[in-house]
N, C-alpha and C. Protein backbone atom coordinates (compact mmCIF):
# COMPACT_ATOMS: atom_id res chain seq x y z
N MET A 1 145.46 212.62 264.11
CA MET A 1 144.84 211.35 263.75
C MET A 1 145.96 210.38 263.42
N ASP A 2 145.95 209.20 264.06
CA ASP A 2 147.03 208.26 263.77
C ASP A 2 146.66 207.39 262.57
N SER A 3 147.66 206.73 262.01
CA SER A 3 147.47 206.00 260.76
C SER A 3 146.48 204.85 260.88
N ARG A 4 146.26 204.36 262.11
CA ARG A 4 145.28 203.28 262.27
C ARG A 4 143.86 203.79 262.13
N GLN A 5 143.66 205.08 262.21
CA GLN A 5 142.32 205.65 262.10
C GLN A 5 142.00 206.12 260.68
N THR A 6 142.97 206.03 259.80
CA THR A 6 142.70 206.42 258.41
C THR A 6 142.68 205.16 257.55
N ILE A 7 141.95 205.26 256.51
CA ILE A 7 141.86 204.12 255.59
C ILE A 7 141.75 204.66 254.17
N ASP A 8 142.35 204.00 253.28
CA ASP A 8 142.27 204.36 251.89
C ASP A 8 140.79 204.32 251.48
N ALA A 9 140.30 205.39 250.86
CA ALA A 9 138.88 205.47 250.48
C ALA A 9 138.46 204.31 249.59
N LEU A 10 139.36 203.81 248.77
CA LEU A 10 139.01 202.71 247.87
C LEU A 10 138.81 201.39 248.61
N SER A 11 139.28 201.30 249.83
CA SER A 11 139.08 200.07 250.60
C SER A 11 137.60 199.79 250.82
N ASN A 12 136.78 200.82 250.79
CA ASN A 12 135.34 200.66 251.00
C ASN A 12 134.57 200.53 249.69
N PHE A 13 135.27 200.42 248.57
CA PHE A 13 134.62 200.37 247.26
C PHE A 13 133.57 199.25 247.20
N GLY A 14 133.96 198.04 247.56
CA GLY A 14 133.04 196.90 247.48
C GLY A 14 131.86 197.05 248.42
N ILE A 15 132.12 197.55 249.61
CA ILE A 15 131.05 197.75 250.59
C ILE A 15 130.06 198.77 250.07
N LEU A 16 130.57 199.88 249.55
CA LEU A 16 129.69 200.93 249.03
C LEU A 16 128.88 200.41 247.84
N LEU A 17 129.52 199.69 246.95
CA LEU A 17 128.83 199.14 245.79
C LEU A 17 127.71 198.19 246.23
N LYS A 18 127.99 197.33 247.19
CA LYS A 18 126.99 196.39 247.69
C LYS A 18 125.84 197.13 248.39
N ASP A 19 126.18 198.16 249.18
CA ASP A 19 125.14 198.95 249.85
C ASP A 19 124.23 199.63 248.84
N VAL A 20 124.80 200.23 247.81
CA VAL A 20 124.00 200.90 246.79
C VAL A 20 123.09 199.88 246.11
N SER A 21 123.62 198.72 245.77
CA SER A 21 122.83 197.67 245.13
C SER A 21 121.69 197.20 246.03
N ARG A 22 122.01 196.97 247.29
CA ARG A 22 121.00 196.50 248.25
C ARG A 22 119.89 197.53 248.42
N LEU A 23 120.25 198.80 248.60
CA LEU A 23 119.25 199.85 248.81
C LEU A 23 118.43 200.09 247.55
N TYR A 24 119.07 200.06 246.40
CA TYR A 24 118.35 200.23 245.14
C TYR A 24 117.33 199.10 244.97
N SER A 25 117.77 197.87 245.22
CA SER A 25 116.87 196.71 245.11
C SER A 25 115.73 196.80 246.10
N ARG A 26 116.02 197.20 247.32
CA ARG A 26 114.98 197.31 248.34
C ARG A 26 113.92 198.32 247.92
N ASN A 27 114.35 199.47 247.40
CA ASN A 27 113.40 200.49 246.97
C ASN A 27 112.57 200.01 245.78
N PHE A 28 113.21 199.34 244.83
CA PHE A 28 112.48 198.82 243.68
C PHE A 28 111.50 197.74 244.11
N GLU A 29 111.92 196.86 245.00
CA GLU A 29 111.05 195.78 245.46
C GLU A 29 109.81 196.31 246.16
N ARG A 30 109.97 197.39 246.91
CA ARG A 30 108.83 198.00 247.59
C ARG A 30 107.80 198.47 246.55
N LEU A 31 108.28 199.02 245.44
CA LEU A 31 107.37 199.46 244.38
C LEU A 31 106.75 198.28 243.64
N CYS A 32 107.52 197.20 243.45
CA CYS A 32 107.00 196.01 242.76
C CYS A 32 105.79 195.43 243.48
N ALA A 33 105.79 195.53 244.79
CA ALA A 33 104.67 195.00 245.57
C ALA A 33 103.36 195.68 245.17
N GLU A 34 103.45 196.93 244.70
CA GLU A 34 102.25 197.66 244.26
C GLU A 34 101.56 196.97 243.08
N ILE A 35 102.32 196.24 242.27
CA ILE A 35 101.71 195.57 241.12
C ILE A 35 101.65 194.05 241.33
N GLY A 36 101.90 193.62 242.56
CA GLY A 36 101.75 192.21 242.91
C GLY A 36 102.88 191.31 242.45
N LEU A 37 104.06 191.88 242.22
CA LEU A 37 105.21 191.08 241.79
C LEU A 37 106.34 191.20 242.80
N THR A 38 107.23 190.22 242.76
CA THR A 38 108.42 190.25 243.59
C THR A 38 109.60 190.71 242.74
N LEU A 39 110.68 191.07 243.39
CA LEU A 39 111.88 191.47 242.67
C LEU A 39 112.38 190.35 241.75
N PRO A 40 112.47 189.09 242.22
CA PRO A 40 112.91 188.02 241.30
C PRO A 40 111.99 187.87 240.08
N GLN A 41 110.69 188.03 240.24
CA GLN A 41 109.79 187.94 239.10
C GLN A 41 110.05 189.07 238.11
N CYS A 42 110.26 190.28 238.62
CA CYS A 42 110.55 191.42 237.74
C CYS A 42 111.87 191.22 237.01
N ARG A 43 112.86 190.69 237.70
CA ARG A 43 114.15 190.44 237.06
C ARG A 43 114.00 189.43 235.93
N VAL A 44 113.27 188.35 236.19
CA VAL A 44 113.06 187.32 235.16
C VAL A 44 112.36 187.94 233.95
N LEU A 45 111.30 188.69 234.19
CA LEU A 45 110.56 189.28 233.07
C LEU A 45 111.40 190.30 232.31
N GLY A 46 112.17 191.09 233.02
CA GLY A 46 113.03 192.07 232.36
C GLY A 46 114.08 191.41 231.48
N TYR A 47 114.73 190.37 232.00
CA TYR A 47 115.73 189.66 231.20
C TYR A 47 115.08 188.92 230.03
N LEU A 48 113.91 188.32 230.26
CA LEU A 48 113.25 187.60 229.18
C LEU A 48 112.81 188.54 228.06
N GLN A 49 112.35 189.71 228.41
CA GLN A 49 111.92 190.64 227.37
C GLN A 49 113.08 190.99 226.44
N ARG A 50 114.27 191.09 226.99
CA ARG A 50 115.45 191.45 226.18
C ARG A 50 116.15 190.23 225.59
N ASN A 51 115.79 189.02 226.06
CA ASN A 51 116.49 187.81 225.62
C ASN A 51 115.52 186.65 225.39
N GLU A 52 114.42 186.90 224.72
CA GLU A 52 113.44 185.82 224.54
C GLU A 52 114.08 184.64 223.84
N GLY A 53 113.70 183.45 224.31
CA GLY A 53 114.22 182.22 223.73
C GLY A 53 115.48 181.71 224.39
N ILE A 54 115.93 182.37 225.47
CA ILE A 54 117.15 181.90 226.14
C ILE A 54 116.84 180.65 226.95
N SER A 55 117.88 179.95 227.30
CA SER A 55 117.72 178.73 228.09
C SER A 55 117.55 179.09 229.56
N GLN A 56 117.01 178.16 230.30
CA GLN A 56 116.84 178.33 231.73
C GLN A 56 118.21 178.47 232.41
N ALA A 57 119.19 177.72 231.93
CA ALA A 57 120.54 177.80 232.51
C ALA A 57 121.13 179.19 232.30
N ARG A 58 120.95 179.76 231.12
CA ARG A 58 121.49 181.10 230.84
C ARG A 58 120.76 182.15 231.67
N LEU A 59 119.44 181.99 231.83
CA LEU A 59 118.68 182.93 232.65
C LEU A 59 119.15 182.87 234.11
N ALA A 60 119.47 181.69 234.58
CA ALA A 60 119.99 181.55 235.95
C ALA A 60 121.29 182.33 236.11
N GLU A 61 122.16 182.26 235.09
CA GLU A 61 123.41 183.04 235.12
C GLU A 61 123.13 184.54 235.15
N LEU A 62 122.25 184.99 234.26
CA LEU A 62 121.96 186.41 234.15
C LEU A 62 121.33 186.98 235.42
N THR A 63 120.46 186.21 236.04
CA THR A 63 119.77 186.69 237.24
C THR A 63 120.52 186.34 238.52
N ASP A 64 121.66 185.69 238.39
CA ASP A 64 122.47 185.29 239.54
C ASP A 64 121.63 184.45 240.51
N SER A 65 120.91 183.48 239.94
CA SER A 65 120.02 182.61 240.70
C SER A 65 120.54 181.18 240.67
N GLN A 66 120.20 180.44 241.70
CA GLN A 66 120.48 179.01 241.70
C GLN A 66 119.50 178.35 240.73
N PRO A 67 119.95 177.42 239.89
CA PRO A 67 119.05 176.80 238.90
C PRO A 67 117.79 176.18 239.50
N MET A 68 117.90 175.52 240.63
CA MET A 68 116.72 174.89 241.24
C MET A 68 115.74 175.94 241.74
N THR A 69 116.25 177.01 242.34
CA THR A 69 115.39 178.09 242.83
C THR A 69 114.69 178.77 241.65
N LEU A 70 115.44 179.02 240.59
CA LEU A 70 114.85 179.63 239.40
C LEU A 70 113.81 178.70 238.79
N GLY A 71 114.08 177.42 238.77
CA GLY A 71 113.12 176.45 238.22
C GLY A 71 111.78 176.51 238.94
N ARG A 72 111.82 176.61 240.27
CA ARG A 72 110.57 176.71 241.04
C ARG A 72 109.85 178.02 240.75
N LEU A 73 110.62 179.11 240.66
CA LEU A 73 110.02 180.41 240.36
C LEU A 73 109.38 180.38 238.97
N LEU A 74 110.07 179.82 237.99
CA LEU A 74 109.53 179.74 236.64
C LEU A 74 108.26 178.89 236.58
N ALA A 75 108.22 177.82 237.36
CA ALA A 75 107.02 176.97 237.39
C ALA A 75 105.81 177.78 237.88
N ARG A 76 106.03 178.58 238.93
CA ARG A 76 104.92 179.42 239.45
C ARG A 76 104.54 180.49 238.42
N MET A 77 105.55 181.08 237.79
CA MET A 77 105.26 182.12 236.80
C MET A 77 104.59 181.54 235.56
N GLU A 78 104.95 180.32 235.21
CA GLU A 78 104.30 179.66 234.08
C GLU A 78 102.84 179.37 234.41
N ALA A 79 102.56 178.94 235.63
CA ALA A 79 101.18 178.68 236.06
C ALA A 79 100.35 179.96 236.02
N ASP A 80 100.99 181.10 236.24
CA ASP A 80 100.30 182.40 236.19
C ASP A 80 100.33 183.03 234.80
N ALA A 81 100.80 182.30 233.80
CA ALA A 81 100.90 182.75 232.40
C ALA A 81 101.82 183.98 232.24
N LEU A 82 102.80 184.11 233.15
CA LEU A 82 103.78 185.20 233.03
C LEU A 82 104.96 184.80 232.15
N VAL A 83 105.26 183.51 232.12
CA VAL A 83 106.31 183.00 231.23
C VAL A 83 105.81 181.75 230.52
N GLU A 84 106.46 181.47 229.42
CA GLU A 84 106.18 180.23 228.69
C GLU A 84 107.49 179.49 228.53
N ARG A 85 107.44 178.18 228.80
CA ARG A 85 108.61 177.32 228.57
C ARG A 85 108.28 176.45 227.38
N GLN A 86 109.17 176.46 226.40
CA GLN A 86 108.99 175.64 225.21
C GLN A 86 110.21 174.74 225.07
N PRO A 87 109.99 173.50 224.63
CA PRO A 87 111.13 172.59 224.47
C PRO A 87 112.16 173.16 223.50
N ASP A 88 113.41 172.95 223.83
CA ASP A 88 114.51 173.38 222.96
C ASP A 88 114.62 172.36 221.84
N PRO A 89 114.47 172.78 220.60
CA PRO A 89 114.52 171.83 219.48
C PRO A 89 115.87 171.12 219.34
N SER A 90 116.94 171.73 219.83
CA SER A 90 118.26 171.12 219.69
C SER A 90 118.67 170.29 220.90
N ASP A 91 117.92 170.40 222.02
CA ASP A 91 118.23 169.65 223.23
C ASP A 91 116.93 169.32 223.94
N GLY A 92 116.51 168.08 223.84
CA GLY A 92 115.23 167.65 224.40
C GLY A 92 115.11 167.82 225.90
N ARG A 93 116.23 167.95 226.60
CA ARG A 93 116.18 168.12 228.06
C ARG A 93 116.01 169.57 228.48
N ALA A 94 116.32 170.49 227.58
CA ALA A 94 116.32 171.92 227.90
C ALA A 94 115.04 172.59 227.43
N HIS A 95 114.79 173.76 228.02
CA HIS A 95 113.64 174.58 227.63
C HIS A 95 114.12 175.97 227.22
N ARG A 96 113.40 176.56 226.28
CA ARG A 96 113.60 177.95 225.90
C ARG A 96 112.49 178.75 226.56
N LEU A 97 112.83 179.95 227.02
CA LEU A 97 111.89 180.74 227.80
C LEU A 97 111.42 181.97 227.03
N PHE A 98 110.13 182.28 227.21
CA PHE A 98 109.51 183.41 226.53
C PHE A 98 108.58 184.14 227.50
N VAL A 99 108.36 185.42 227.21
CA VAL A 99 107.42 186.22 228.01
C VAL A 99 106.03 185.68 227.75
N GLY A 100 105.28 185.45 228.82
CA GLY A 100 103.92 184.95 228.71
C GLY A 100 102.91 186.05 228.42
N PRO A 101 101.70 185.65 228.03
CA PRO A 101 100.68 186.63 227.63
C PRO A 101 100.28 187.60 228.74
N LYS A 102 100.26 187.15 229.98
CA LYS A 102 99.86 188.04 231.07
C LYS A 102 100.99 188.98 231.51
N ALA A 103 102.19 188.74 231.02
CA ALA A 103 103.33 189.58 231.42
C ALA A 103 103.42 190.86 230.59
N GLU A 104 102.93 190.83 229.37
CA GLU A 104 103.07 191.98 228.48
C GLU A 104 102.60 193.29 229.12
N PRO A 105 101.38 193.33 229.68
CA PRO A 105 100.95 194.61 230.29
C PRO A 105 101.76 194.97 231.54
N LEU A 106 102.29 193.98 232.22
CA LEU A 106 103.08 194.25 233.43
C LEU A 106 104.46 194.82 233.11
N LEU A 107 105.01 194.48 231.95
CA LEU A 107 106.35 194.94 231.61
C LEU A 107 106.45 196.46 231.53
N ASP A 108 105.44 197.10 230.95
CA ASP A 108 105.45 198.56 230.91
C ASP A 108 105.47 199.13 232.32
N GLU A 109 104.72 198.52 233.20
CA GLU A 109 104.67 198.98 234.59
C GLU A 109 106.00 198.73 235.29
N ILE A 110 106.62 197.60 235.04
CA ILE A 110 107.94 197.29 235.63
C ILE A 110 108.95 198.34 235.22
N TRP A 111 108.97 198.71 233.93
CA TRP A 111 109.93 199.71 233.47
C TRP A 111 109.62 201.09 234.05
N ARG A 112 108.33 201.38 234.25
CA ARG A 112 107.95 202.66 234.87
C ARG A 112 108.46 202.70 236.31
N LEU A 113 108.29 201.58 237.03
CA LEU A 113 108.79 201.51 238.41
C LEU A 113 110.31 201.58 238.45
N SER A 114 110.95 201.01 237.47
CA SER A 114 112.41 201.08 237.38
C SER A 114 112.87 202.53 237.19
N GLU A 115 112.18 203.26 236.33
CA GLU A 115 112.51 204.68 236.12
C GLU A 115 112.30 205.48 237.40
N ARG A 116 111.24 205.16 238.12
CA ARG A 116 110.95 205.86 239.38
C ARG A 116 112.06 205.60 240.40
N THR A 117 112.49 204.35 240.51
CA THR A 117 113.55 204.00 241.45
C THR A 117 114.86 204.68 241.05
N ARG A 118 115.16 204.66 239.77
CA ARG A 118 116.38 205.30 239.27
C ARG A 118 116.33 206.80 239.54
N GLY A 119 115.16 207.41 239.38
CA GLY A 119 115.01 208.83 239.65
C GLY A 119 115.33 209.18 241.09
N VAL A 120 114.88 208.35 242.00
CA VAL A 120 115.18 208.57 243.42
C VAL A 120 116.67 208.41 243.68
N ALA A 121 117.26 207.39 243.11
CA ALA A 121 118.68 207.12 243.34
C ALA A 121 119.57 208.23 242.79
N LEU A 122 119.20 208.81 241.67
CA LEU A 122 120.06 209.77 240.99
C LEU A 122 119.59 211.22 241.13
N LYS A 123 118.65 211.48 242.04
CA LYS A 123 118.00 212.79 242.09
C LYS A 123 118.94 213.96 242.36
N ARG A 124 120.06 213.75 242.99
CA ARG A 124 120.98 214.86 243.27
C ARG A 124 122.14 214.93 242.28
N LEU A 125 122.05 214.18 241.19
CA LEU A 125 123.09 214.21 240.17
C LEU A 125 122.58 214.92 238.93
N GLY A 126 123.47 215.67 238.30
CA GLY A 126 123.13 216.31 237.03
C GLY A 126 123.23 215.30 235.90
N ALA A 127 122.79 215.74 234.72
CA ALA A 127 122.80 214.85 233.55
C ALA A 127 124.22 214.40 233.21
N ALA A 128 125.18 215.32 233.27
CA ALA A 128 126.56 214.95 232.95
C ALA A 128 127.10 213.96 233.97
N GLU A 129 126.77 214.15 235.25
CA GLU A 129 127.23 213.22 236.28
C GLU A 129 126.61 211.84 236.09
N CYS A 130 125.34 211.80 235.71
CA CYS A 130 124.69 210.51 235.46
C CYS A 130 125.36 209.78 234.30
N GLY A 131 125.66 210.50 233.24
CA GLY A 131 126.34 209.90 232.10
C GLY A 131 127.73 209.39 232.48
N GLN A 132 128.44 210.18 233.27
CA GLN A 132 129.77 209.77 233.71
C GLN A 132 129.69 208.55 234.63
N LEU A 133 128.73 208.55 235.54
CA LEU A 133 128.55 207.42 236.44
C LEU A 133 128.29 206.14 235.65
N MET A 134 127.40 206.20 234.68
CA MET A 134 127.08 205.01 233.88
C MET A 134 128.30 204.54 233.09
N ALA A 135 129.03 205.47 232.51
CA ALA A 135 130.22 205.09 231.74
C ALA A 135 131.26 204.43 232.64
N LEU A 136 131.45 204.98 233.82
CA LEU A 136 132.43 204.40 234.75
C LEU A 136 132.00 203.03 235.25
N LEU A 137 130.73 202.89 235.57
CA LEU A 137 130.24 201.59 236.04
C LEU A 137 130.37 200.53 234.94
N GLN A 138 130.10 200.91 233.70
CA GLN A 138 130.25 199.97 232.59
C GLN A 138 131.70 199.56 232.41
N ARG A 139 132.63 200.50 232.58
CA ARG A 139 134.06 200.16 232.49
C ARG A 139 134.46 199.23 233.62
N ILE A 140 133.97 199.48 234.81
CA ILE A 140 134.28 198.61 235.95
C ILE A 140 133.73 197.21 235.70
N ARG A 141 132.48 197.14 235.21
CA ARG A 141 131.89 195.84 234.89
C ARG A 141 132.73 195.11 233.85
N ASP A 142 133.14 195.82 232.82
CA ASP A 142 133.97 195.21 231.78
C ASP A 142 135.29 194.71 232.36
N ASN A 143 135.90 195.49 233.25
CA ASN A 143 137.14 195.05 233.90
C ASN A 143 136.93 193.75 234.66
N LEU A 144 135.83 193.67 235.39
CA LEU A 144 135.56 192.50 236.22
C LEU A 144 135.09 191.31 235.40
N ASP A 145 134.52 191.56 234.24
CA ASP A 145 133.99 190.49 233.41
C ASP A 145 135.07 189.85 232.53
N SER A 146 136.20 190.52 232.39
CA SER A 146 137.28 189.97 231.57
C SER A 146 138.21 189.13 232.44
N PRO A 147 138.85 188.14 231.83
CA PRO A 147 139.79 187.33 232.60
C PRO A 147 140.92 188.20 233.15
N ALA A 148 141.17 188.10 234.45
CA ALA A 148 142.20 188.93 235.08
C ALA A 148 143.49 188.14 235.24
N PRO A 149 144.61 188.77 234.95
CA PRO A 149 145.89 188.09 235.18
C PRO A 149 146.13 187.92 236.68
N ALA A 150 146.89 186.93 237.04
CA ALA A 150 147.16 186.64 238.45
C ALA A 150 147.85 187.81 239.14
N SER A 151 148.60 188.63 238.41
CA SER A 151 149.33 189.73 239.01
C SER A 151 148.45 190.95 239.29
N ALA A 152 147.16 190.88 238.97
CA ALA A 152 146.28 192.04 239.11
C ALA A 152 145.66 192.15 240.50
N THR A 153 146.25 191.53 241.49
CA THR A 153 145.62 191.54 242.81
C THR A 153 145.53 192.92 243.43
N ARG A 154 146.49 193.80 243.22
CA ARG A 154 146.44 195.13 243.85
C ARG A 154 146.74 196.22 242.83
N GLU A 155 146.36 195.96 241.56
CA GLU A 155 146.60 196.97 240.53
C GLU A 155 145.66 198.14 240.70
N ARG A 156 146.16 199.32 240.41
CA ARG A 156 145.35 200.52 240.40
C ARG A 156 145.74 201.35 239.21
N SER A 157 144.77 202.08 238.72
CA SER A 157 145.11 203.02 237.66
C SER A 157 145.82 204.20 238.32
N PRO A 158 146.59 204.97 237.56
CA PRO A 158 147.28 206.12 238.16
C PRO A 158 146.32 207.09 238.84
N ALA A 159 145.13 207.30 238.28
CA ALA A 159 144.19 208.24 238.88
C ALA A 159 143.71 207.75 240.25
N CYS A 160 143.54 206.46 240.40
CA CYS A 160 143.05 205.91 241.67
C CYS A 160 144.15 205.88 242.74
N SER A 161 145.41 205.88 242.33
CA SER A 161 146.47 205.81 243.32
C SER A 161 146.62 207.11 244.09
N ALA A 162 146.02 208.19 243.58
CA ALA A 162 146.12 209.47 244.26
C ALA A 162 144.89 209.75 245.13
N THR A 163 144.06 208.73 245.37
CA THR A 163 142.86 208.92 246.17
C THR A 163 143.23 209.30 247.59
N PRO A 164 142.62 210.33 248.13
CA PRO A 164 142.95 210.76 249.49
C PRO A 164 142.45 209.76 250.53
N ASP A 165 143.10 209.78 251.66
CA ASP A 165 142.66 208.93 252.77
C ASP A 165 141.43 209.55 253.40
N VAL A 166 140.60 208.70 253.97
CA VAL A 166 139.37 209.13 254.61
C VAL A 166 139.40 208.67 256.05
N ALA A 167 138.97 209.53 256.94
CA ALA A 167 138.95 209.16 258.35
C ALA A 167 137.85 208.14 258.59
N VAL A 168 138.14 207.15 259.39
CA VAL A 168 137.18 206.11 259.74
C VAL A 168 136.97 206.16 261.24
N PRO A 169 135.72 206.15 261.69
CA PRO A 169 135.49 206.21 263.13
C PRO A 169 136.14 205.03 263.84
N ARG A 170 136.70 205.30 264.99
CA ARG A 170 137.33 204.26 265.79
C ARG A 170 136.24 203.47 266.50
N ARG A 171 136.36 202.16 266.50
CA ARG A 171 135.41 201.31 267.20
C ARG A 171 135.67 201.37 268.69
N VAL A 172 134.62 201.46 269.42
CA VAL A 172 134.73 201.48 270.88
C VAL A 172 134.71 200.05 271.38
N GLN A 173 135.72 199.69 272.14
CA GLN A 173 135.78 198.35 272.71
C GLN A 173 134.97 198.29 274.01
N ARG A 174 134.06 197.36 274.07
CA ARG A 174 133.27 197.20 275.29
C ARG A 174 134.02 196.34 276.27
N LYS A 175 133.94 196.73 277.50
CA LYS A 175 134.60 195.95 278.54
C LYS A 175 133.65 194.88 279.04
N ALA A 176 134.18 193.71 279.29
CA ALA A 176 133.36 192.62 279.81
C ALA A 176 132.92 192.97 281.22
N ALA A 177 131.67 192.68 281.53
CA ALA A 177 131.13 193.01 282.86
C ALA A 177 131.45 191.94 283.86
């Protein structure tokens, strides 16, 4: 095998992380449809339950949503009594967000569906592996959430520098007809 056919296993880290996130979300969204909600609605309700009274701007950050898109979603959810928007006493232009009366019974179901999705994702891992996975992901998140020095472009921990190379299938070039 020549060196062009091998690639450092860590080179696929971002791709693998994105694939896991996409597949996890897709599976959860399929279950959300059973209770008549979308993934964005479940995300909003989940964050609001843990952060009642937050601003719409902060919720947009947490849910990684565009403020205008989130505003439209919140308007629909408010019309369905899933969320409540109350004026911010310290800023007349802003609103504070709260879980609406019709959302309370749905939240238990959302968390049940979340557990089901997590069970599928982690079904071949033992308890110790699940704990280790969560601890490692939290450390990675913390690394990415902290300000990084400019020199950190290709930093690796000593343990990661010994990662073995993984064979990558060679792409077949098609000939023009």
